[in-house]
Amino acid sequence: MNAPAKMSASLYALLSITFWGISFVSTKAVLEKIDPYSLLVLRFGIGALFLFCMIVVFRYPLKVRITHLPHLLVLGILGVYVHQVIQATALLSIQASDAGWLISFSPIFTIALSFIFLHEPLSLKKTTGIITAVLGVLLITSGGEGSFIKISLSMGYLLMILSTLNWAVYSVLLKKLAVPLPSIVLTFYMSIIGCLLTLPIFIRNQGLTQLAALELSHWAHLLFLGIFVSAVAYWYWAKAHEILPASQVSVFMYLEPLATLSAAMLLLHEKLAATSVIGGLFILTGVLLAQHQKRK
């Protein structure tokens, strides 16, 4: 693999992580007016429309084999529908900055899944890293109040941690299934699946009436979420996986909390809690320790 290809893949992964990091802030802002399912229908719909225009302009083939439809369905359900529903619901009760820290815990689940299903050995360094990262999660979810068990089990934090597990599974499947489609076409089909799955709930919740409450700033957030987060970020993440191993791409998740933290402070005026920062540093340190030997 040549250096320019690696550099391009790294740039794709970096842009994806940046957009996803900021997405917590935009999601939090829009959830003040509409429910999670209405938000996701709009996101996926805008993203699918944007991707379809790009596919038409660049003349990508949309043909897909019937044998690959189950793969697309699995990726669409896990990577788009389930993942975004869980995160949007979690953000109803937790800060965007805390969500950004917790999502970086995902590589720990990847290591755990490899240990359970692939029988990869757990070295002392990996074990130490996992313990350190778990302590960081407990520190963030406790809010510095000392009652780890009571506060850490709040629904918002549990859902956010569950989303990191789901993302680890999705990232592994994205590489293993290797659907032979251009990354932009793959992302388009996943967006369509996400939109169709959330549409019935959108109709039941009278989502159209909720749109009347949206202001110009909320529509700006929705356009960002639809085009750059639901479309471009997933597209670029798939392109990065086409070139680099999943373990190398996952390293870029370390930078996601920085994007979230900066955007949360600037746009939502969230306060920088010392416990969140210390806990986040514990998570990043633990993940680095756990993955060091693997990357080497």
C-alpha atoms as a PDB file:
ATOM      1  CA  MET A   1       0.000   0.000   0.000  1.00  0.00           C
ATOM      2  CA  ASN A   2       1.497   3.331  -1.051  1.00  0.00           C
ATOM      3  CA  ALA A   3       1.830   6.396   1.171  1.00  0.00           C
ATOM      4  CA  PRO A   4      -0.674   8.621  -0.742  1.00  0.00           C
ATOM      5  CA  ALA A   5      -3.378   5.954  -0.357  1.00  0.00           C
ATOM      6  CA  LYS A   6      -2.732   5.722   3.390  1.00  0.00           C
ATOM      7  CA  MET A   7      -2.795   9.500   3.663  1.00  0.00           C
ATOM      8  CA  SER A   8      -6.120   9.695   1.815  1.00  0.00           C
ATOM      9  CA  ALA A   9      -7.654   6.989   4.009  1.00  0.00           C
ATOM     10  CA  SER A  10      -6.436   8.773   7.128  1.00  0.00           C
ATOM     11  CA  LEU A  11      -7.998  12.028   5.921  1.00  0.00           C
ATOM     12  CA  TYR A  12     -11.318  10.267   5.230  1.00  0.00           C
ATOM     13  CA  ALA A  13     -11.330   8.770   8.734  1.00  0.00           C
ATOM     14  CA  LEU A  14     -10.356  12.097  10.343  1.00  0.00           C
ATOM     15  CA  LEU A  15     -13.158  13.990   8.577  1.00  0.00           C
ATOM     16  CA  SER A  16     -15.686  11.299   9.526  1.00  0.00           C
ATOM     17  CA  ILE A  17     -14.693  11.444  13.182  1.00  0.00           C
ATOM     18  CA  THR A  18     -14.833  15.258  13.186  1.00  0.00           C
ATOM     19  CA  PHE A  19     -18.335  15.306  11.703  1.00  0.00           C
ATOM     20  CA  TRP A  20     -19.524  12.595  14.103  1.00  0.00           C
ATOM     21  CA  GLY A  21     -17.996  14.416  17.044  1.00  0.00           C
ATOM     22  CA  ILE A  22     -19.897  17.608  16.222  1.00  0.00           C
ATOM     23  CA  SER A  23     -23.066  15.605  15.473  1.00  0.00           C
ATOM     24  CA  PHE A  24     -23.759  15.106  19.193  1.00  0.00           C
ATOM     25  CA  VAL A  25     -24.072  18.867  19.584  1.00  0.00           C
ATOM     26  CA  SER A  26     -26.358  19.301  16.559  1.00  0.00           C
ATOM     27  CA  THR A  27     -28.490  16.342  17.654  1.00  0.00           C
ATOM     28  CA  LYS A  28     -28.816  17.762  21.160  1.00  0.00           C
ATOM     29  CA  ALA A  29     -29.904  21.133  19.729  1.00  0.00           C
ATOM     30  CA  VAL A  30     -32.596  19.675  17.436  1.00  0.00           C
ATOM     31  CA  LEU A  31     -33.971  17.333  20.121  1.00  0.00           C
ATOM     32  CA  GLU A  32     -35.206  20.422  21.952  1.00  0.00           C
ATOM     33  CA  LYS A  33     -38.001  20.647  19.340  1.00  0.00           C
ATOM     34  CA  ILE A  34     -38.650  17.173  17.891  1.00  0.00           C
ATOM     35  CA  ASP A  35     -38.469  13.546  19.036  1.00  0.00           C
ATOM     36  CA  PRO A  36     -35.562  11.227  18.106  1.00  0.00           C
ATOM     37  CA  TYR A  37     -37.454   9.353  15.370  1.00  0.00           C
ATOM     38  CA  SER A  38     -38.562  12.528  13.586  1.00  0.00           C
ATOM     39  CA  LEU A  39     -34.971  13.734  13.727  1.00  0.00           C
ATOM     40  CA  LEU A  40     -33.647  10.489  12.268  1.00  0.00           C
ATOM     41  CA  VAL A  41     -36.176  10.356   9.413  1.00  0.00           C
ATOM     42  CA  LEU A  42     -35.109  13.852   8.365  1.00  0.00           C
ATOM     43  CA  ARG A  43     -31.419  13.001   8.753  1.00  0.00           C
ATOM     44  CA  PHE A  44     -31.572   9.813   6.736  1.00  0.00           C
ATOM     45  CA  GLY A  45     -33.883  11.361   4.145  1.00  0.00           C
ATOM     46  CA  ILE A  46     -31.614  14.363   3.564  1.00  0.00           C
ATOM     47  CA  GLY A  47     -28.551  12.122   3.529  1.00  0.00           C
ATOM     48  CA  ALA A  48     -30.062   9.642   1.053  1.00  0.00           C
ATOM     49  CA  LEU A  49     -31.151  12.472  -1.277  1.00  0.00           C
ATOM     50  CA  PHE A  50     -27.683  14.031  -1.208  1.00  0.00           C
ATOM     51  CA  LEU A  51     -25.982  10.698  -1.890  1.00  0.00           C
ATOM     52  CA  PHE A  52     -28.395   9.905  -4.719  1.00  0.00           C
ATOM     53  CA  CYS A  53     -27.526  13.219  -6.399  1.00  0.00           C
ATOM     54  CA  MET A  54     -23.821  12.433  -6.050  1.00  0.00           C
ATOM     55  CA  ILE A  55     -24.354   8.940  -7.487  1.00  0.00           C
ATOM     56  CA  VAL A  56     -26.198  10.374 -10.501  1.00  0.00           C
ATOM     57  CA  VAL A  57     -23.573  13.066 -11.105  1.00  0.00           C
ATOM     58  CA  PHE A  58     -20.639  10.625 -10.953  1.00  0.00           C
ATOM     59  CA  ARG A  59     -22.628   7.801 -12.615  1.00  0.00           C
ATOM     60  CA  TYR A  60     -22.077   5.108 -10.020  1.00  0.00           C
ATOM     61  CA  PRO A  61     -23.993   1.863 -10.690  1.00  0.00           C
ATOM     62  CA  LEU A  62     -26.808   1.166  -8.234  1.00  0.00           C
ATOM     63  CA  LYS A  63     -27.156  -2.513  -9.130  1.00  0.00           C
ATOM     64  CA  VAL A  64     -26.759  -4.904  -6.213  1.00  0.00           C
ATOM     65  CA  ARG A  65     -26.896  -8.705  -6.152  1.00  0.00           C
ATOM     66  CA  ILE A  66     -29.711 -10.410  -4.264  1.00  0.00           C
ATOM     67  CA  THR A  67     -27.152 -12.388  -2.245  1.00  0.00           C
ATOM     68  CA  HIS A  68     -25.804  -9.115  -0.808  1.00  0.00           C
ATOM     69  CA  LEU A  69     -29.195  -7.769   0.298  1.00  0.00           C
ATOM     70  CA  PRO A  70     -29.015  -9.498   3.731  1.00  0.00           C
ATOM     71  CA  HIS A  71     -25.581  -7.918   4.263  1.00  0.00           C
ATOM     72  CA  LEU A  72     -26.922  -4.472   3.405  1.00  0.00           C
ATOM     73  CA  LEU A  73     -29.866  -5.003   5.725  1.00  0.00           C
ATOM     74  CA  VAL A  74     -27.646  -6.022   8.644  1.00  0.00           C
ATOM     75  CA  LEU A  75     -25.283  -3.072   8.127  1.00  0.00           C
ATOM     76  CA  GLY A  76     -28.163  -0.642   7.714  1.00  0.00           C
ATOM     77  CA  ILE A  77     -29.951  -1.846  10.843  1.00  0.00           C
ATOM     78  CA  LEU A  78     -26.890  -1.941  13.107  1.00  0.00           C
ATOM     79  CA  GLY A  79     -24.787   0.909  11.748  1.00  0.00           C
ATOM     80  CA  VAL A  80     -27.550   3.389  10.952  1.00  0.00           C
ATOM     81  CA  TYR A  81     -30.937   2.631  12.514  1.00  0.00           C
ATOM     82  CA  VAL A  82     -30.028   1.027  15.863  1.00  0.00           C
ATOM     83  CA  HIS A  83     -26.913   3.121  16.405  1.00  0.00           C
ATOM     84  CA  GLN A  84     -28.556   6.477  15.752  1.00  0.00           C
ATOM     85  CA  VAL A  85     -31.774   5.661  17.647  1.00  0.00           C
ATOM     86  CA  ILE A  86     -29.757   4.674  20.726  1.00  0.00           C
ATOM     87  CA  GLN A  87     -27.560   7.770  20.578  1.00  0.00           C
ATOM     88  CA  ALA A  88     -30.419  10.208  19.955  1.00  0.00           C
ATOM     89  CA  THR A  89     -32.381   8.728  22.869  1.00  0.00           C
ATOM     90  CA  ALA A  90     -29.321   8.904  25.128  1.00  0.00           C
ATOM     91  CA  LEU A  91     -28.777  12.580  24.312  1.00  0.00           C
ATOM     92  CA  LEU A  92     -32.194  13.417  25.731  1.00  0.00           C
ATOM     93  CA  SER A  93     -30.735  13.006  29.223  1.00  0.00           C
ATOM     94  CA  ILE A  94     -26.937  13.437  29.049  1.00  0.00           C
ATOM     95  CA  GLN A  95     -24.588  16.173  27.906  1.00  0.00           C
ATOM     96  CA  ALA A  96     -23.141  16.096  24.398  1.00  0.00           C
ATOM     97  CA  SER A  97     -19.595  16.366  25.771  1.00  0.00           C
ATOM     98  CA  ASP A  98     -20.076  13.254  27.955  1.00  0.00           C
ATOM     99  CA  ALA A  99     -21.431  11.378  24.921  1.00  0.00           C
ATOM    100  CA  GLY A 100     -18.273  12.300  23.009  1.00  0.00           C
ATOM    101  CA  TRP A 101     -16.042  10.859  25.713  1.00  0.00           C
ATOM    102  CA  LEU A 102     -18.044   7.646  26.045  1.00  0.00           C
ATOM    103  CA  ILE A 103     -18.098   6.880  22.320  1.00  0.00           C
ATOM    104  CA  SER A 104     -14.289   6.627  22.379  1.00  0.00           C
ATOM    105  CA  PHE A 105     -14.757   3.525  24.567  1.00  0.00           C
ATOM    106  CA  SER A 106     -15.742   1.556  21.442  1.00  0.00           C
ATOM    107  CA  PRO A 107     -12.270   0.030  20.731  1.00  0.00           C
ATOM    108  CA  ILE A 108     -12.396  -1.657  24.156  1.00  0.00           C
ATOM    109  CA  PHE A 109     -15.477  -3.559  23.041  1.00  0.00           C
ATOM    110  CA  THR A 110     -13.679  -4.477  19.814  1.00  0.00           C
ATOM    111  CA  ILE A 111     -10.865  -6.031  21.865  1.00  0.00           C
ATOM    112  CA  ALA A 112     -13.375  -7.837  24.086  1.00  0.00           C
ATOM    113  CA  LEU A 113     -15.235  -9.245  21.076  1.00  0.00           C
ATOM    114  CA  SER A 114     -11.934 -10.416  19.582  1.00  0.00           C
ATOM    115  CA  PHE A 115     -11.085 -12.145  22.874  1.00  0.00           C
ATOM    116  CA  ILE A 116     -14.482 -13.881  23.119  1.00  0.00           C
ATOM    117  CA  PHE A 117     -15.101 -14.875  19.491  1.00  0.00           C
ATOM    118  CA  LEU A 118     -11.641 -14.885  17.901  1.00  0.00           C
ATOM    119  CA  HIS A 119      -9.771 -16.131  20.993  1.00  0.00           C
ATOM    120  CA  GLU A 120      -7.176 -13.367  20.768  1.00  0.00           C
ATOM    121  CA  PRO A 121      -5.056 -13.420  23.964  1.00  0.00           C
ATOM    122  CA  LEU A 122      -5.361 -10.691  26.601  1.00  0.00           C
ATOM    123  CA  SER A 123      -1.922  -9.460  27.641  1.00  0.00           C
ATOM    124  CA  LEU A 124      -1.219  -7.641  30.900  1.00  0.00           C
ATOM    125  CA  LYS A 125      -1.037  -4.342  29.012  1.00  0.00           C
ATOM    126  CA  LYS A 126      -4.427  -4.936  27.364  1.00  0.00           C
ATOM    127  CA  THR A 127      -6.019  -5.919  30.665  1.00  0.00           C
ATOM    128  CA  THR A 128      -4.583  -2.831  32.374  1.00  0.00           C
ATOM    129  CA  GLY A 129      -5.887  -0.677  29.546  1.00  0.00           C
ATOM    130  CA  ILE A 130      -9.387  -2.152  29.793  1.00  0.00           C
ATOM    131  CA  ILE A 131      -9.516  -1.585  33.556  1.00  0.00           C
ATOM    132  CA  THR A 132      -8.273   1.999  33.139  1.00  0.00           C
ATOM    133  CA  ALA A 133     -10.877   2.750  30.459  1.00  0.00           C
ATOM    134  CA  VAL A 134     -13.685   1.257  32.575  1.00  0.00           C
ATOM    135  CA  LEU A 135     -12.641   3.453  35.506  1.00  0.00           C
ATOM    136  CA  GLY A 136     -12.829   6.451  33.163  1.00  0.00           C
ATOM    137  CA  VAL A 137     -16.386   5.511  32.144  1.00  0.00           C
ATOM    138  CA  LEU A 138     -17.405   5.180  35.798  1.00  0.00           C
ATOM    139  CA  LEU A 139     -15.879   8.557  36.616  1.00  0.00           C
ATOM    140  CA  ILE A 140     -17.778  10.302  33.797  1.00  0.00           C
ATOM    141  CA  THR A 141     -21.100   8.660  34.538  1.00  0.00           C
ATOM    142  CA  SER A 142     -20.809   9.299  38.286  1.00  0.00           C
ATOM    143  CA  GLY A 143     -20.533  13.049  37.741  1.00  0.00           C
ATOM    144  CA  GLY A 144     -18.023  13.220  40.566  1.00  0.00           C
ATOM    145  CA  GLU A 145     -20.708  12.405  43.146  1.00  0.00           C
ATOM    146  CA  GLY A 146     -19.053   9.223  44.283  1.00  0.00           C
ATOM    147  CA  SER A 147     -22.070   6.927  43.859  1.00  0.00           C
ATOM    148  CA  PHE A 148     -20.732   4.971  40.880  1.00  0.00           C
ATOM    149  CA  ILE A 149     -23.373   2.233  40.788  1.00  0.00           C
ATOM    150  CA  LYS A 150     -26.451   4.393  41.274  1.00  0.00           C
ATOM    151  CA  ILE A 151     -25.547   7.132  38.782  1.00  0.00           C
ATOM    152  CA  SER A 152     -23.689   5.001  36.253  1.00  0.00           C
ATOM    153  CA  LEU A 153     -26.855   2.981  35.680  1.00  0.00           C
ATOM    154  CA  SER A 154     -28.868   5.985  34.486  1.00  0.00           C
ATOM    155  CA  MET A 155     -30.582   5.198  31.201  1.00  0.00           C
ATOM    156  CA  GLY A 156     -28.835   7.880  29.130  1.00  0.00           C
ATOM    157  CA  TYR A 157     -25.347   6.678  30.017  1.00  0.00           C
ATOM    158  CA  LEU A 158     -26.301   3.012  29.618  1.00  0.00           C
ATOM    159  CA  LEU A 159     -27.653   3.683  26.141  1.00  0.00           C
ATOM    160  CA  MET A 160     -24.517   5.607  25.171  1.00  0.00           C
ATOM    161  CA  ILE A 161     -22.290   2.758  26.331  1.00  0.00           C
ATOM    162  CA  LEU A 162     -24.518   0.295  24.470  1.00  0.00           C
ATOM    163  CA  SER A 163     -24.047   2.362  21.312  1.00  0.00           C
ATOM    164  CA  THR A 164     -20.271   1.932  21.594  1.00  0.00           C
ATOM    165  CA  LEU A 165     -20.726  -1.843  21.698  1.00  0.00           C
ATOM    166  CA  ASN A 166     -23.045  -1.672  18.711  1.00  0.00           C
ATOM    167  CA  TRP A 167     -20.512   0.450  16.777  1.00  0.00           C
ATOM    168  CA  ALA A 168     -17.729  -2.041  17.496  1.00  0.00           C
ATOM    169  CA  VAL A 169     -19.875  -4.835  16.053  1.00  0.00           C
ATOM    170  CA  TYR A 170     -20.774  -2.713  13.009  1.00  0.00           C
ATOM    171  CA  SER A 171     -17.137  -1.790  12.285  1.00  0.00           C
ATOM    172  CA  VAL A 172     -16.090  -5.439  12.383  1.00  0.00           C
ATOM    173  CA  LEU A 173     -18.992  -6.503  10.148  1.00  0.00           C
ATOM    174  CA  LEU A 174     -18.324  -3.679   7.684  1.00  0.00           C
ATOM    175  CA  LYS A 175     -14.861  -5.124   7.124  1.00  0.00           C
ATOM    176  CA  LYS A 176     -15.816  -8.813   7.283  1.00  0.00           C
ATOM    177  CA  LEU A 177     -18.858  -8.700   4.996  1.00  0.00           C
ATOM    178  CA  ALA A 178     -16.996  -6.605   2.408  1.00  0.00           C
ATOM    179  CA  VAL A 179     -20.020  -5.874   0.239  1.00  0.00           C
ATOM    180  CA  PRO A 180     -18.630  -5.335  -3.308  1.00  0.00           C
ATOM    181  CA  LEU A 181     -20.210  -1.920  -3.858  1.00  0.00           C
ATOM    182  CA  PRO A 182     -18.678   1.545  -4.140  1.00  0.00           C
ATOM    183  CA  SER A 183     -18.638   3.073  -0.653  1.00  0.00           C
ATOM    184  CA  ILE A 184     -21.002   5.880  -1.687  1.00  0.00           C
ATOM    185  CA  VAL A 185     -23.567   3.368  -3.023  1.00  0.00           C
ATOM    186  CA  LEU A 186     -23.257   1.264   0.133  1.00  0.00           C
ATOM    187  CA  THR A 187     -23.870   4.354   2.280  1.00  0.00           C
ATOM    188  CA  PHE A 188     -26.859   5.335   0.121  1.00  0.00           C
ATOM    189  CA  TYR A 189     -28.571   1.977   0.656  1.00  0.00           C
ATOM    190  CA  MET A 190     -27.855   2.113   4.393  1.00  0.00           C
ATOM    191  CA  SER A 191     -29.428   5.590   4.600  1.00  0.00           C
ATOM    192  CA  ILE A 192     -32.517   4.344   2.747  1.00  0.00           C
ATOM    193  CA  ILE A 193     -32.832   1.425   5.181  1.00  0.00           C
ATOM    194  CA  GLY A 194     -32.527   3.785   8.155  1.00  0.00           C
ATOM    195  CA  CYS A 195     -35.159   6.137   6.712  1.00  0.00           C
ATOM    196  CA  LEU A 196     -37.658   3.363   5.923  1.00  0.00           C
ATOM    197  CA  LEU A 197     -37.299   1.774   9.367  1.00  0.00           C
ATOM    198  CA  THR A 198     -37.965   5.036  11.217  1.00  0.00           C
ATOM    199  CA  LEU A 199     -40.699   6.312   8.870  1.00  0.00           C
ATOM    200  CA  PRO A 200     -43.619   4.353  10.472  1.00  0.00           C
ATOM    201  CA  ILE A 201     -42.778   5.769  13.910  1.00  0.00           C
ATOM    202  CA  PHE A 202     -42.423   9.251  12.391  1.00  0.00           C
ATOM    203  CA  ILE A 203     -45.954   8.950  10.978  1.00  0.00           C
ATOM    204  CA  ARG A 204     -47.361   7.567  14.239  1.00  0.00           C
ATOM    205  CA  ASN A 205     -45.799  10.430  16.235  1.00  0.00           C
ATOM    206  CA  GLN A 206     -47.217  13.017  13.781  1.00  0.00           C
ATOM    207  CA  GLY A 207     -43.738  14.099  12.815  1.00  0.00           C
ATOM    208  CA  LEU A 208     -44.964  16.583  10.204  1.00  0.00           C
ATOM    209  CA  THR A 209     -46.623  18.698  12.885  1.00  0.00           C
ATOM    210  CA  GLN A 210     -43.344  18.801  14.824  1.00  0.00           C
ATOM    211  CA  LEU A 211     -41.554  20.374  11.868  1.00  0.00           C
ATOM    212  CA  ALA A 212     -43.609  23.559  12.273  1.00  0.00           C
ATOM    213  CA  ALA A 213     -41.801  24.222  15.558  1.00  0.00           C
ATOM    214  CA  LEU A 214     -38.359  24.199  13.940  1.00  0.00           C
ATOM    215  CA  GLU A 215     -36.506  27.490  13.567  1.00  0.00           C
ATOM    216  CA  LEU A 216     -33.850  28.406  11.001  1.00  0.00           C
ATOM    217  CA  SER A 217     -31.031  27.356  13.337  1.00  0.00           C
ATOM    218  CA  HIS A 218     -32.596  23.913  13.770  1.00  0.00           C
ATOM    219  CA  TRP A 219     -32.838  23.446   9.996  1.00  0.00           C
ATOM    220  CA  ALA A 220     -29.149  24.380   9.727  1.00  0.00           C
ATOM    221  CA  HIS A 221     -28.339  21.629  12.241  1.00  0.00           C
ATOM    222  CA  LEU A 222     -30.520  19.180  10.302  1.00  0.00           C
ATOM    223  CA  LEU A 223     -28.782  19.949   7.011  1.00  0.00           C
ATOM    224  CA  PHE A 224     -25.420  19.413   8.690  1.00  0.00           C
ATOM    225  CA  LEU A 225     -26.623  16.126  10.217  1.00  0.00           C
ATOM    226  CA  GLY A 226     -28.145  14.913   6.962  1.00  0.00           C
ATOM    227  CA  ILE A 227     -25.395  15.863   4.516  1.00  0.00           C
ATOM    228  CA  PHE A 228     -22.152  15.782   6.489  1.00  0.00           C
ATOM    229  CA  VAL A 229     -22.961  13.286   9.261  1.00  0.00           C
ATOM    230  CA  SER A 230     -25.436  10.780   7.779  1.00  0.00           C
ATOM    231  CA  ALA A 231     -24.044  10.928   4.227  1.00  0.00           C
ATOM    232  CA  VAL A 232     -20.449  12.153   3.938  1.00  0.00           C
ATOM    233  CA  ALA A 233     -19.151  10.754   7.254  1.00  0.00           C
ATOM    234  CA  TYR A 234     -20.513   7.220   6.667  1.00  0.00           C
ATOM    235  CA  TRP A 235     -19.285   7.385   3.072  1.00  0.00           C
ATOM    236  CA  TYR A 236     -15.779   8.437   4.082  1.00  0.00           C
ATOM    237  CA  TRP A 237     -15.676   5.892   6.929  1.00  0.00           C
ATOM    238  CA  ALA A 238     -16.411   3.115   4.444  1.00  0.00           C
ATOM    239  CA  LYS A 239     -13.724   4.491   2.075  1.00  0.00           C
ATOM    240  CA  ALA A 240     -11.182   4.454   4.911  1.00  0.00           C
ATOM    241  CA  HIS A 241     -12.043   0.797   5.637  1.00  0.00           C
ATOM    242  CA  GLU A 242     -11.453  -0.042   1.966  1.00  0.00           C
ATOM    243  CA  ILE A 243      -7.784   0.944   2.364  1.00  0.00           C
ATOM    244  CA  LEU A 244      -6.791   0.533   6.029  1.00  0.00           C
ATOM    245  CA  PRO A 245      -7.346  -2.349   8.495  1.00  0.00           C
ATOM    246  CA  ALA A 246     -10.247  -1.847  10.926  1.00  0.00           C
ATOM    247  CA  SER A 247      -7.830  -1.615  13.882  1.00  0.00           C
ATOM    248  CA  GLN A 248      -5.970   1.331  12.293  1.00  0.00           C
ATOM    249  CA  VAL A 249      -9.184   3.149  11.362  1.00  0.00           C
ATOM    250  CA  SER A 250     -10.544   2.772  14.913  1.00  0.00           C
ATOM    251  CA  VAL A 251      -7.541   4.714  16.251  1.00  0.00           C
ATOM    252  CA  PHE A 252      -9.071   7.907  14.856  1.00  0.00           C
ATOM    253  CA  MET A 253     -11.935   7.567  17.326  1.00  0.00           C
ATOM    254  CA  TYR A 254      -9.544   8.935  19.957  1.00  0.00           C
ATOM    255  CA  LEU A 255      -9.990  12.373  18.366  1.00  0.00           C
ATOM    256  CA  GLU A 256     -13.810  12.361  18.364  1.00  0.00           C
ATOM    257  CA  PRO A 257     -14.205  13.627  21.963  1.00  0.00           C
ATOM    258  CA  LEU A 258     -12.099  16.686  21.142  1.00  0.00           C
ATOM    259  CA  ALA A 259     -14.480  17.700  18.338  1.00  0.00           C
ATOM    260  CA  THR A 260     -17.503  17.084  20.556  1.00  0.00           C
ATOM    261  CA  LEU A 261     -16.054  18.954  23.531  1.00  0.00           C
ATOM    262  CA  SER A 262     -15.124  22.013  21.465  1.00  0.00           C
ATOM    263  CA  ALA A 263     -18.513  22.174  19.726  1.00  0.00           C
ATOM    264  CA  ALA A 264     -20.442  21.620  22.986  1.00  0.00           C
ATOM    265  CA  MET A 265     -18.664  24.487  24.705  1.00  0.00           C
ATOM    266  CA  LEU A 266     -19.035  26.867  21.757  1.00  0.00           C
ATOM    267  CA  LEU A 267     -22.578  26.064  20.585  1.00  0.00           C
ATOM    268  CA  LEU A 268     -24.376  24.663  23.629  1.00  0.00           C
ATOM    269  CA  HIS A 269     -22.349  26.504  26.293  1.00  0.00           C
ATOM    270  CA  GLU A 270     -21.889  23.305  28.246  1.00  0.00           C
ATOM    271  CA  LYS A 271     -19.645  23.633  31.286  1.00  0.00           C
ATOM    272  CA  LEU A 272     -16.348  21.765  31.298  1.00  0.00           C
ATOM    273  CA  ALA A 273     -16.678  19.376  34.250  1.00  0.00           C
ATOM    274  CA  ALA A 274     -13.387  18.256  35.762  1.00  0.00           C
ATOM    275  CA  THR A 275     -14.683  14.727  36.329  1.00  0.00           C
ATOM    276  CA  SER A 276     -15.634  14.405  32.663  1.00  0.00           C
ATOM    277  CA  VAL A 277     -12.206  15.552  31.483  1.00  0.00           C
ATOM    278  CA  ILE A 278     -10.348  13.270  33.906  1.00  0.00           C
ATOM    279  CA  GLY A 279     -12.632  10.365  33.065  1.00  0.00           C
ATOM    280  CA  GLY A 280     -12.163  11.009  29.352  1.00  0.00           C
ATOM    281  CA  LEU A 281      -8.400  10.991  29.748  1.00  0.00           C
ATOM    282  CA  PHE A 282      -8.670   7.693  31.617  1.00  0.00           C
ATOM    283  CA  ILE A 283     -10.662   6.225  28.710  1.00  0.00           C
ATOM    284  CA  LEU A 284      -8.196   7.442  26.073  1.00  0.00           C
ATOM    285  CA  THR A 285      -5.204   6.228  28.110  1.00  0.00           C
ATOM    286  CA  GLY A 286      -6.833   2.858  28.641  1.00  0.00           C
ATOM    287  CA  VAL A 287      -7.690   2.446  24.960  1.00  0.00           C
ATOM    288  CA  LEU A 288      -4.153   3.408  23.941  1.00  0.00           C
ATOM    289  CA  LEU A 289      -2.696   0.857  26.359  1.00  0.00           C
ATOM    290  CA  ALA A 290      -5.087  -1.858  25.232  1.00  0.00           C
ATOM    291  CA  GLN A 291      -4.460  -1.284  21.525  1.00  0.00           C
ATOM    292  CA  HIS A 292      -0.732  -0.539  21.630  1.00  0.00           C
ATOM    293  CA  GLN A 293       0.422  -4.107  21.190  1.00  0.00           C
ATOM    294  CA  LYS A 294      -2.203  -4.752  18.519  1.00  0.00           C
ATOM    295  CA  ARG A 295      -1.175  -1.738  16.466  1.00  0.00           C
ATOM    296  CA  LYS A 296       2.472  -2.657  16.750  1.00  0.00           C
END
